[in-house]
């Protein structure tokens, strides 16, 4: 990663480093880009950027808050119920409209 918050690894290098196929890496990069968690400048060699608004990204906020909550009351939480609740929450129209802002 350069000092300008961008990096330009090959798909093959990412796949080798994380131990999965190139197709899996491509799929995951597309999912991250669709969720606006990374920005991709496409060209001969793609460049990947971290957006400036990650500190207020709804996916990250919900994930961090959920993990913090689970850690604080680990023995009292039914993780399956919580997971189902979160899955329902992200399917709601209100969440989807908030997500479009990013």
PDB file of N, CA and C in Angstrom:
ATOM      1  N   UNK A   1       0.852  -1.168   0.000  1.00  0.00           N
ATOM      2  CA  UNK A   1       0.000   0.000   0.000  1.00  0.00           C
ATOM      3  C   UNK A   1       0.899   1.232   0.000  1.00  0.00           C
ATOM      4  N   UNK A   2       0.560   2.182  -0.817  1.00  0.00           N
ATOM      5  CA  UNK A   2       1.370   3.395  -0.884  1.00  0.00           C
ATOM      6  C   UNK A   2       0.940   4.386   0.195  1.00  0.00           C
ATOM      7  N   UNK A   3       1.666   5.488   0.284  1.00  0.00           N
ATOM      8  CA  UNK A   3       1.322   6.505   1.276  1.00  0.00           C
ATOM      9  C   UNK A   3       0.064   7.283   0.884  1.00  0.00           C
ATOM     10  N   UNK A   4      -0.500   6.994  -0.265  1.00  0.00           N
ATOM     11  CA  UNK A   4      -1.721   7.668  -0.712  1.00  0.00           C
ATOM     12  C   UNK A   4      -2.957   6.781  -0.527  1.00  0.00           C
ATOM     13  N   UNK A   5      -2.871   5.803   0.384  1.00  0.00           N
ATOM     14  CA  UNK A   5      -3.972   4.892   0.703  1.00  0.00           C
ATOM     15  C   UNK A   5      -4.447   4.107  -0.518  1.00  0.00           C
ATOM     16  N   UNK A   6      -3.541   3.695  -1.350  1.00  0.00           N
ATOM     17  CA  UNK A   6      -3.898   2.873  -2.496  1.00  0.00           C
ATOM     18  C   UNK A   6      -2.930   1.706  -2.601  1.00  0.00           C
ATOM     19  N   UNK A   7      -3.429   0.628  -3.155  1.00  0.00           N
ATOM     20  CA  UNK A   7      -2.562  -0.522  -3.385  1.00  0.00           C
ATOM     21  C   UNK A   7      -2.940  -1.154  -4.720  1.00  0.00           C
ATOM     22  N   UNK A   8      -2.060  -1.950  -5.236  1.00  0.00           N
ATOM     23  CA  UNK A   8      -2.252  -2.482  -6.581  1.00  0.00           C
ATOM     24  C   UNK A   8      -1.713  -3.897  -6.706  1.00  0.00           C
ATOM     25  N   UNK A   9      -2.160  -4.783  -5.809  1.00  0.00           N
ATOM     26  CA  UNK A   9      -1.722  -6.182  -5.923  1.00  0.00           C
ATOM     27  C   UNK A   9      -2.453  -6.879  -7.068  1.00  0.00           C
ATOM     28  N   UNK A  10      -1.844  -7.917  -7.583  1.00  0.00           N
ATOM     29  CA  UNK A  10      -2.542  -8.714  -8.595  1.00  0.00           C
ATOM     30  C   UNK A  10      -3.540  -9.629  -7.890  1.00  0.00           C
ATOM     31  N   UNK A  11      -4.547 -10.038  -8.630  1.00  0.00           N
ATOM     32  CA  UNK A  11      -5.536 -10.979  -8.097  1.00  0.00           C
ATOM     33  C   UNK A  11      -4.830 -12.265  -7.670  1.00  0.00           C
ATOM     34  N   UNK A  12      -3.877 -12.698  -8.471  1.00  0.00           N
ATOM     35  CA  UNK A  12      -3.148 -13.928  -8.181  1.00  0.00           C
ATOM     36  C   UNK A  12      -2.349 -13.821  -6.885  1.00  0.00           C
ATOM     37  N   UNK A  13      -1.742 -12.636  -6.654  1.00  0.00           N
ATOM     38  CA  UNK A  13      -0.970 -12.450  -5.426  1.00  0.00           C
ATOM     39  C   UNK A  13      -1.891 -12.477  -4.203  1.00  0.00           C
ATOM     40  N   UNK A  14      -3.048 -11.841  -4.289  1.00  0.00           N
ATOM     41  CA  UNK A  14      -4.009 -11.869  -3.182  1.00  0.00           C
ATOM     42  C   UNK A  14      -4.444 -13.308  -2.926  1.00  0.00           C
ATOM     43  N   UNK A  15      -4.770 -14.028  -3.994  1.00  0.00           N
ATOM     44  CA  UNK A  15      -5.224 -15.420  -3.859  1.00  0.00           C
ATOM     45  C   UNK A  15      -4.160 -16.274  -3.174  1.00  0.00           C
ATOM     46  N   UNK A  16      -2.923 -16.116  -3.578  1.00  0.00           N
ATOM     47  CA  UNK A  16      -1.825 -16.874  -2.966  1.00  0.00           C
ATOM     48  C   UNK A  16      -1.690 -16.538  -1.480  1.00  0.00           C
ATOM     49  N   UNK A  17      -1.781 -15.255  -1.142  1.00  0.00           N
ATOM     50  CA  UNK A  17      -1.582 -14.823   0.245  1.00  0.00           C
ATOM     51  C   UNK A  17      -2.713 -15.234   1.172  1.00  0.00           C
ATOM     52  N   UNK A  18      -3.927 -15.337   0.652  1.00  0.00           N
ATOM     53  CA  UNK A  18      -5.054 -15.710   1.524  1.00  0.00           C
ATOM     54  C   UNK A  18      -5.457 -17.167   1.352  1.00  0.00           C
ATOM     55  N   UNK A  19      -4.866 -17.853   0.391  1.00  0.00           N
ATOM     56  CA  UNK A  19      -5.122 -19.286   0.236  1.00  0.00           C
ATOM     57  C   UNK A  19      -6.451 -19.621  -0.390  1.00  0.00           C
ATOM     58  N   UNK A  20      -6.842 -18.887  -1.421  1.00  0.00           N
ATOM     59  CA  UNK A  20      -8.067 -19.236  -2.143  1.00  0.00           C
ATOM     60  C   UNK A  20      -7.840 -19.015  -3.638  1.00  0.00           C
ATOM     61  N   UNK A  21      -8.865 -19.276  -4.415  1.00  0.00           N
ATOM     62  CA  UNK A  21      -8.728 -19.163  -5.868  1.00  0.00           C
ATOM     63  C   UNK A  21      -8.832 -17.709  -6.331  1.00  0.00           C
ATOM     64  N   UNK A  22      -8.329 -17.462  -7.519  1.00  0.00           N
ATOM     65  CA  UNK A  22      -8.434 -16.132  -8.121  1.00  0.00           C
ATOM     66  C   UNK A  22      -9.888 -15.726  -8.311  1.00  0.00           C
ATOM     67  N   UNK A  23     -10.717 -16.687  -8.682  1.00  0.00           N
ATOM     68  CA  UNK A  23     -12.156 -16.404  -8.866  1.00  0.00           C
ATOM     69  C   UNK A  23     -12.796 -15.950  -7.560  1.00  0.00           C
ATOM     70  N   UNK A  24     -12.417 -16.601  -6.449  1.00  0.00           N
ATOM     71  CA  UNK A  24     -12.947 -16.198  -5.140  1.00  0.00           C
ATOM     72  C   UNK A  24     -12.519 -14.778  -4.800  1.00  0.00           C
ATOM     73  N   UNK A  25     -11.266 -14.455  -5.060  1.00  0.00           N
ATOM     74  CA  UNK A  25     -10.771 -13.104  -4.800  1.00  0.00           C
ATOM     75  C   UNK A  25     -11.549 -12.095  -5.636  1.00  0.00           C
ATOM     76  N   UNK A  26     -11.735 -12.373  -6.910  1.00  0.00           N
ATOM     77  CA  UNK A  26     -12.495 -11.467  -7.778  1.00  0.00           C
ATOM     78  C   UNK A  26     -13.908 -11.252  -7.247  1.00  0.00           C
ATOM     79  N   UNK A  27     -14.538 -12.338  -6.813  1.00  0.00           N
ATOM     80  CA  UNK A  27     -15.899 -12.234  -6.281  1.00  0.00           C
ATOM     81  C   UNK A  27     -15.927 -11.379  -5.013  1.00  0.00           C
ATOM     82  N   UNK A  28     -14.971 -11.602  -4.122  1.00  0.00           N
ATOM     83  CA  UNK A  28     -14.938 -10.847  -2.868  1.00  0.00           C
ATOM     84  C   UNK A  28     -14.605  -9.374  -3.110  1.00  0.00           C
ATOM     85  N   UNK A  29     -13.710  -9.103  -4.033  1.00  0.00           N
ATOM     86  CA  UNK A  29     -13.401  -7.704  -4.357  1.00  0.00           C
ATOM     87  C   UNK A  29     -14.642  -7.019  -4.911  1.00  0.00           C
ATOM     88  N   UNK A  30     -15.383  -7.702  -5.754  1.00  0.00           N
ATOM     89  CA  UNK A  30     -16.617  -7.125  -6.296  1.00  0.00           C
ATOM     90  C   UNK A  30     -17.616  -6.841  -5.173  1.00  0.00           C
ATOM     91  N   UNK A  31     -17.744  -7.775  -4.224  1.00  0.00           N
ATOM     92  CA  UNK A  31     -18.668  -7.581  -3.104  1.00  0.00           C
ATOM     93  C   UNK A  31     -18.235  -6.386  -2.250  1.00  0.00           C
ATOM     94  N   UNK A  32     -16.942  -6.274  -1.983  1.00  0.00           N
ATOM     95  CA  UNK A  32     -16.452  -5.134  -1.207  1.00  0.00           C
ATOM     96  C   UNK A  32     -16.688  -3.817  -1.948  1.00  0.00           C
ATOM     97  N   UNK A  33     -16.459  -3.837  -3.251  1.00  0.00           N
ATOM     98  CA  UNK A  33     -16.684  -2.627  -4.050  1.00  0.00           C
ATOM     99  C   UNK A  33     -18.176  -2.286  -4.103  1.00  0.00           C
ATOM    100  N   UNK A  34     -19.037  -3.290  -4.250  1.00  0.00           N
ATOM    101  CA  UNK A  34     -20.483  -3.051  -4.265  1.00  0.00           C
ATOM    102  C   UNK A  34     -20.964  -2.427  -2.958  1.00  0.00           C
ATOM    103  N   UNK A  35     -20.321  -2.819  -1.863  1.00  0.00           N
ATOM    104  CA  UNK A  35     -20.692  -2.284  -0.544  1.00  0.00           C
ATOM    105  C   UNK A  35     -19.948  -0.985  -0.238  1.00  0.00           C
ATOM    106  N   UNK A  36     -19.151  -0.511  -1.194  1.00  0.00           N
ATOM    107  CA  UNK A  36     -18.378   0.725  -1.057  1.00  0.00           C
ATOM    108  C   UNK A  36     -17.358   0.662   0.086  1.00  0.00           C
ATOM    109  N   UNK A  37     -16.831  -0.548   0.332  1.00  0.00           N
ATOM    110  CA  UNK A  37     -15.813  -0.693   1.370  1.00  0.00           C
ATOM    111  C   UNK A  37     -14.409  -0.541   0.785  1.00  0.00           C
ATOM    112  N   UNK A  38     -14.297  -0.701  -0.522  1.00  0.00           N
ATOM    113  CA  UNK A  38     -13.079  -0.356  -1.253  1.00  0.00           C
ATOM    114  C   UNK A  38     -13.517   0.311  -2.542  1.00  0.00           C
ATOM    115  N   UNK A  39     -12.650   1.102  -3.103  1.00  0.00           N
ATOM    116  CA  UNK A  39     -12.901   1.735  -4.393  1.00  0.00           C
ATOM    117  C   UNK A  39     -11.880   1.150  -5.360  1.00  0.00           C
ATOM    118  N   UNK A  40     -12.339   0.836  -6.560  1.00  0.00           N
ATOM    119  CA  UNK A  40     -11.473   0.199  -7.550  1.00  0.00           C
ATOM    120  C   UNK A  40     -11.378   1.098  -8.769  1.00  0.00           C
ATOM    121  N   UNK A  41     -10.165   1.466  -9.102  1.00  0.00           N
ATOM    122  CA  UNK A  41      -9.908   2.215 -10.322  1.00  0.00           C
ATOM    123  C   UNK A  41      -9.426   1.206 -11.356  1.00  0.00           C
ATOM    124  N   UNK A  42     -10.274   0.949 -12.346  1.00  0.00           N
ATOM    125  CA  UNK A  42      -9.945  -0.104 -13.303  1.00  0.00           C
ATOM    126  C   UNK A  42      -9.135   0.447 -14.463  1.00  0.00           C
ATOM    127  N   UNK A  43      -8.183  -0.323 -14.841  1.00  0.00           N
ATOM    128  CA  UNK A  43      -7.310   0.032 -15.947  1.00  0.00           C
ATOM    129  C   UNK A  43      -6.496  -1.184 -16.298  1.00  0.00           C
ATOM    130  N   UNK A  44      -5.331  -0.949 -16.904  1.00  0.00           N
ATOM    131  CA  UNK A  44      -4.451  -2.079 -17.206  1.00  0.00           C
ATOM    132  C   UNK A  44      -4.145  -2.853 -15.929  1.00  0.00           C
ATOM    133  N   UNK A  45      -3.827  -2.122 -14.859  1.00  0.00           N
ATOM    134  CA  UNK A  45      -3.639  -2.699 -13.531  1.00  0.00           C
ATOM    135  C   UNK A  45      -4.610  -1.988 -12.593  1.00  0.00           C
ATOM    136  N   UNK A  46      -5.511  -2.733 -12.002  1.00  0.00           N
ATOM    137  CA  UNK A  46      -6.454  -2.125 -11.065  1.00  0.00           C
ATOM    138  C   UNK A  46      -5.712  -1.539  -9.872  1.00  0.00           C
ATOM    139  N   UNK A  47      -6.231  -0.422  -9.386  1.00  0.00           N
ATOM    140  CA  UNK A  47      -5.735   0.181  -8.153  1.00  0.00           C
ATOM    141  C   UNK A  47      -6.878   0.180  -7.168  1.00  0.00           C
ATOM    142  N   UNK A  48      -6.608  -0.176  -5.924  1.00  0.00           N
ATOM    143  CA  UNK A  48      -7.633  -0.281  -4.893  1.00  0.00           C
ATOM    144  C   UNK A  48      -7.405   0.806  -3.852  1.00  0.00           C
ATOM    145  N   UNK A  49      -8.471   1.505  -3.510  1.00  0.00           N
ATOM    146  CA  UNK A  49      -8.401   2.602  -2.554  1.00  0.00           C
ATOM    147  C   UNK A  49      -9.311   2.312  -1.370  1.00  0.00           C
ATOM    148  N   UNK A  50      -8.908   2.784  -0.195  1.00  0.00           N
ATOM    149  CA  UNK A  50      -9.795   2.762   0.954  1.00  0.00           C
ATOM    150  C   UNK A  50     -10.510   4.113   0.987  1.00  0.00           C
ATOM    151  N   UNK A  51     -11.835   4.104   1.033  1.00  0.00           N
ATOM    152  CA  UNK A  51     -12.563   5.378   1.047  1.00  0.00           C
ATOM    153  C   UNK A  51     -12.369   6.133   2.361  1.00  0.00           C
ATOM    154  N   UNK A  52     -12.544   7.442   2.304  1.00  0.00           N
ATOM    155  CA  UNK A  52     -12.387   8.293   3.483  1.00  0.00           C
ATOM    156  C   UNK A  52     -13.507   8.107   4.497  1.00  0.00           C
ATOM    157  N   UNK A  53     -14.628   7.525   4.103  1.00  0.00           N
ATOM    158  CA  UNK A  53     -15.802   7.450   4.979  1.00  0.00           C
ATOM    159  C   UNK A  53     -15.952   6.102   5.695  1.00  0.00           C
ATOM    160  N   UNK A  54     -14.901   5.290   5.732  1.00  0.00           N
ATOM    161  CA  UNK A  54     -15.021   3.979   6.384  1.00  0.00           C
ATOM    162  C   UNK A  54     -15.402   4.093   7.861  1.00  0.00           C
ATOM    163  N   UNK A  55     -15.010   5.167   8.517  1.00  0.00           N
ATOM    164  CA  UNK A  55     -15.315   5.326   9.942  1.00  0.00           C
ATOM    165  C   UNK A  55     -16.813   5.440  10.215  1.00  0.00           C
ATOM    166  N   UNK A  56     -17.614   5.726   9.191  1.00  0.00           N
ATOM    167  CA  UNK A  56     -19.063   5.810   9.399  1.00  0.00           C
ATOM    168  C   UNK A  56     -19.828   4.872   8.469  1.00  0.00           C
ATOM    169  N   UNK A  57     -19.158   3.874   7.919  1.00  0.00           N
ATOM    170  CA  UNK A  57     -19.796   2.921   7.013  1.00  0.00           C
ATOM    171  C   UNK A  57     -20.725   2.009   7.812  1.00  0.00           C
ATOM    172  N   UNK A  58     -22.001   1.880   7.410  1.00  0.00           N
ATOM    173  CA  UNK A  58     -22.967   1.107   8.214  1.00  0.00           C
ATOM    174  C   UNK A  58     -22.591  -0.362   8.414  1.00  0.00           C
ATOM    175  N   UNK A  59     -22.013  -1.000   7.422  1.00  0.00           N
ATOM    176  CA  UNK A  59     -21.615  -2.406   7.589  1.00  0.00           C
ATOM    177  C   UNK A  59     -20.566  -2.540   8.684  1.00  0.00           C
ATOM    178  N   UNK A  60     -19.563  -1.672   8.650  1.00  0.00           N
ATOM    179  CA  UNK A  60     -18.498  -1.752   9.648  1.00  0.00           C
ATOM    180  C   UNK A  60     -18.993  -1.362  11.027  1.00  0.00           C
ATOM    181  N   UNK A  61     -19.806  -0.325  11.097  1.00  0.00           N
ATOM    182  CA  UNK A  61     -20.334   0.097  12.393  1.00  0.00           C
ATOM    183  C   UNK A  61     -21.158  -1.009  13.029  1.00  0.00           C
ATOM    184  N   UNK A  62     -22.026  -1.618  12.249  1.00  0.00           N
ATOM    185  CA  UNK A  62     -22.874  -2.674  12.798  1.00  0.00           C
ATOM    186  C   UNK A  62     -22.022  -3.871  13.213  1.00  0.00           C
ATOM    187  N   UNK A  63     -21.049  -4.224  12.412  1.00  0.00           N
ATOM    188  CA  UNK A  63     -20.189  -5.349  12.733  1.00  0.00           C
ATOM    189  C   UNK A  63     -19.418  -5.095  14.023  1.00  0.00           C
ATOM    190  N   UNK A  64     -18.784  -3.935  14.118  1.00  0.00           N
ATOM    191  CA  UNK A  64     -17.989  -3.624  15.305  1.00  0.00           C
ATOM    192  C   UNK A  64     -18.857  -3.557  16.556  1.00  0.00           C
ATOM    193  N   UNK A  65     -20.007  -2.923  16.455  1.00  0.00           N
ATOM    194  CA  UNK A  65     -20.890  -2.802  17.613  1.00  0.00           C
ATOM    195  C   UNK A  65     -21.417  -4.172  18.021  1.00  0.00           C
ATOM    196  N   UNK A  66     -21.750  -5.010  17.062  1.00  0.00           N
ATOM    197  CA  UNK A  66     -22.252  -6.349  17.360  1.00  0.00           C
ATOM    198  C   UNK A  66     -21.193  -7.175  18.087  1.00  0.00           C
ATOM    199  N   UNK A  67     -19.942  -7.144  17.581  1.00  0.00           N
ATOM    200  CA  UNK A  67     -18.871  -7.912  18.220  1.00  0.00           C
ATOM    201  C   UNK A  67     -18.575  -7.376  19.621  1.00  0.00           C
ATOM    202  N   UNK A  68     -18.622  -6.079  19.777  1.00  0.00           N
ATOM    203  CA  UNK A  68     -18.413  -5.482  21.099  1.00  0.00           C
ATOM    204  C   UNK A  68     -19.500  -5.948  22.069  1.00  0.00           C
ATOM    205  N   UNK A  69     -20.734  -5.942  21.584  1.00  0.00           N
ATOM    206  CA  UNK A  69     -21.865  -6.377  22.416  1.00  0.00           C
ATOM    207  C   UNK A  69     -21.726  -7.852  22.793  1.00  0.00           C
ATOM    208  N   UNK A  70     -21.408  -8.688  21.824  1.00  0.00           N
ATOM    209  CA  UNK A  70     -21.277 -10.131  22.085  1.00  0.00           C
ATOM    210  C   UNK A  70     -20.157 -10.390  23.082  1.00  0.00           C
ATOM    211  N   UNK A  71     -19.025  -9.709  22.915  1.00  0.00           N
ATOM    212  CA  UNK A  71     -17.921  -9.893  23.855  1.00  0.00           C
ATOM    213  C   UNK A  71     -18.326  -9.510  25.272  1.00  0.00           C
ATOM    214  N   UNK A  72     -19.134  -8.474  25.404  1.00  0.00           N
ATOM    215  CA  UNK A  72     -19.481  -7.989  26.740  1.00  0.00           C
ATOM    216  C   UNK A  72     -20.443  -8.921  27.473  1.00  0.00           C
ATOM    217  N   UNK A  73     -21.284  -9.644  26.740  1.00  0.00           N
ATOM    218  CA  UNK A  73     -22.244 -10.537  27.398  1.00  0.00           C
ATOM    219  C   UNK A  73     -22.262 -11.913  26.747  1.00  0.00           C
ATOM    220  N   UNK A  74     -21.111 -12.409  26.389  1.00  0.00           N
ATOM    221  CA  UNK A  74     -20.929 -13.671  25.661  1.00  0.00           C
ATOM    222  C   UNK A  74     -21.799 -14.813  26.174  1.00  0.00           C
ATOM    223  N   UNK A  75     -21.873 -15.022  27.463  1.00  0.00           N
ATOM    224  CA  UNK A  75     -22.604 -16.174  28.010  1.00  0.00           C
ATOM    225  C   UNK A  75     -24.117 -15.947  28.048  1.00  0.00           C
ATOM    226  N   UNK A  76     -24.558 -14.730  27.845  1.00  0.00           N
ATOM    227  CA  UNK A  76     -25.983 -14.424  27.928  1.00  0.00           C
ATOM    228  C   UNK A  76     -26.655 -14.307  26.563  1.00  0.00           C
ATOM    229  N   UNK A  77     -25.881 -14.302  25.476  1.00  0.00           N
ATOM    230  CA  UNK A  77     -26.422 -14.049  24.141  1.00  0.00           C
ATOM    231  C   UNK A  77     -26.573 -15.340  23.352  1.00  0.00           C
ATOM    232  N   UNK A  78     -27.717 -15.484  22.731  1.00  0.00           N
ATOM    233  CA  UNK A  78     -27.925 -16.570  21.786  1.00  0.00           C
ATOM    234  C   UNK A  78     -27.438 -16.044  20.435  1.00  0.00           C
ATOM    235  N   UNK A  79     -26.243 -16.456  20.034  1.00  0.00           N
ATOM    236  CA  UNK A  79     -25.630 -15.895  18.830  1.00  0.00           C
ATOM    237  C   UNK A  79     -26.447 -16.174  17.570  1.00  0.00           C
ATOM    238  N   UNK A  80     -27.093 -17.326  17.519  1.00  0.00           N
ATOM    239  CA  UNK A  80     -27.926 -17.640  16.343  1.00  0.00           C
ATOM    240  C   UNK A  80     -29.073 -16.649  16.224  1.00  0.00           C
ATOM    241  N   UNK A  81     -29.752 -16.362  17.327  1.00  0.00           N
ATOM    242  CA  UNK A  81     -30.851 -15.393  17.301  1.00  0.00           C
ATOM    243  C   UNK A  81     -30.348 -14.012  16.898  1.00  0.00           C
ATOM    244  N   UNK A  82     -29.202 -13.630  17.445  1.00  0.00           N
ATOM    245  CA  UNK A  82     -28.629 -12.333  17.093  1.00  0.00           C
ATOM    246  C   UNK A  82     -28.273 -12.282  15.607  1.00  0.00           C
ATOM    247  N   UNK A  83     -27.683 -13.350  15.099  1.00  0.00           N
ATOM    248  CA  UNK A  83     -27.328 -13.405  13.679  1.00  0.00           C
ATOM    249  C   UNK A  83     -28.571 -13.282  12.805  1.00  0.00           C
ATOM    250  N   UNK A  84     -29.624 -13.987  13.154  1.00  0.00           N
ATOM    251  CA  UNK A  84     -30.876 -13.897  12.389  1.00  0.00           C
ATOM    252  C   UNK A  84     -31.451 -12.487  12.444  1.00  0.00           C
ATOM    253  N   UNK A  85     -31.363 -11.845  13.612  1.00  0.00           N
ATOM    254  CA  UNK A  85     -31.863 -10.479  13.741  1.00  0.00           C
ATOM    255  C   UNK A  85     -31.079  -9.538  12.825  1.00  0.00           C
ATOM    256  N   UNK A  86     -29.734  -9.670  12.822  1.00  0.00           N
ATOM    257  CA  UNK A  86     -28.894  -8.817  11.986  1.00  0.00           C
ATOM    258  C   UNK A  86     -29.189  -9.052  10.508  1.00  0.00           C
ATOM    259  N   UNK A  87     -29.341 -10.316  10.122  1.00  0.00           N
ATOM    260  CA  UNK A  87     -29.657 -10.618   8.726  1.00  0.00           C
ATOM    261  C   UNK A  87     -30.985  -9.974   8.328  1.00  0.00           C
ATOM    262  N   UNK A  88     -31.965 -10.017   9.225  1.00  0.00           N
ATOM    263  CA  UNK A  88     -33.241  -9.363   8.950  1.00  0.00           C
ATOM    264  C   UNK A  88     -33.092  -7.861   8.851  1.00  0.00           C
ATOM    265  N   UNK A  89     -32.247  -7.299   9.706  1.00  0.00           N
ATOM    266  CA  UNK A  89     -32.040  -5.847   9.712  1.00  0.00           C
ATOM    267  C   UNK A  89     -31.446  -5.364   8.394  1.00  0.00           C
ATOM    268  N   UNK A  90     -30.445  -6.061   7.871  1.00  0.00           N
ATOM    269  CA  UNK A  90     -29.804  -5.587   6.646  1.00  0.00           C
ATOM    270  C   UNK A  90     -30.691  -5.782   5.420  1.00  0.00           C
ATOM    271  N   UNK A  91     -31.756  -6.568   5.546  1.00  0.00           N
ATOM    272  CA  UNK A  91     -32.688  -6.746   4.427  1.00  0.00           C
ATOM    273  C   UNK A  91     -33.796  -5.694   4.436  1.00  0.00           C
ATOM    274  N   UNK A  92     -33.907  -4.940   5.526  1.00  0.00           N
ATOM    275  CA  UNK A  92     -34.970  -3.939   5.640  1.00  0.00           C
ATOM    276  C   UNK A  92     -34.737  -2.785   4.670  1.00  0.00           C
ATOM    277  N   UNK A  93     -35.820  -2.209   4.181  1.00  0.00           N
ATOM    278  CA  UNK A  93     -35.730  -1.092   3.243  1.00  0.00           C
ATOM    279  C   UNK A  93     -34.992   0.106   3.837  1.00  0.00           C
ATOM    280  N   UNK A  94     -35.185   0.359   5.144  1.00  0.00           N
ATOM    281  CA  UNK A  94     -34.510   1.491   5.776  1.00  0.00           C
ATOM    282  C   UNK A  94     -32.995   1.332   5.715  1.00  0.00           C
ATOM    283  N   UNK A  95     -32.528   0.119   5.934  1.00  0.00           N
ATOM    284  CA  UNK A  95     -31.088  -0.140   5.891  1.00  0.00           C
ATOM    285  C   UNK A  95     -30.581  -0.022   4.457  1.00  0.00           C
ATOM    286  N   UNK A  96     -31.333  -0.573   3.527  1.00  0.00           N
ATOM    287  CA  UNK A  96     -30.919  -0.511   2.122  1.00  0.00           C
ATOM    288  C   UNK A  96     -30.843   0.929   1.644  1.00  0.00           C
ATOM    289  N   UNK A  97     -31.788   1.775   2.063  1.00  0.00           N
ATOM    290  CA  UNK A  97     -31.743   3.176   1.631  1.00  0.00           C
ATOM    291  C   UNK A  97     -30.560   3.904   2.264  1.00  0.00           C
ATOM    292  N   UNK A  98     -30.232   3.561   3.517  1.00  0.00           N
ATOM    293  CA  UNK A  98     -29.078   4.166   4.167  1.00  0.00           C
ATOM    294  C   UNK A  98     -27.800   3.737   3.457  1.00  0.00           C
ATOM    295  N   UNK A  99     -27.754   2.480   3.059  1.00  0.00           N
ATOM    296  CA  UNK A  99     -26.578   1.940   2.383  1.00  0.00           C
ATOM    297  C   UNK A  99     -26.312   2.674   1.071  1.00  0.00           C
ATOM    298  N   UNK A 100     -27.373   3.128   0.382  1.00  0.00           N
ATOM    299  CA  UNK A 100     -27.199   3.787  -0.918  1.00  0.00           C
ATOM    300  C   UNK A 100     -26.484   5.122  -0.806  1.00  0.00           C
ATOM    301  N   UNK A 101     -26.506   5.712   0.382  1.00  0.00           N
ATOM    302  CA  UNK A 101     -25.816   6.980   0.596  1.00  0.00           C
ATOM    303  C   UNK A 101     -24.331   6.812   0.334  1.00  0.00           C
ATOM    304  N   UNK A 102     -23.826   5.640   0.644  1.00  0.00           N
ATOM    305  CA  UNK A 102     -22.407   5.380   0.464  1.00  0.00           C
ATOM    306  C   UNK A 102     -22.180   4.784  -0.880  1.00  0.00           C
TER     307      UNK A 102
END
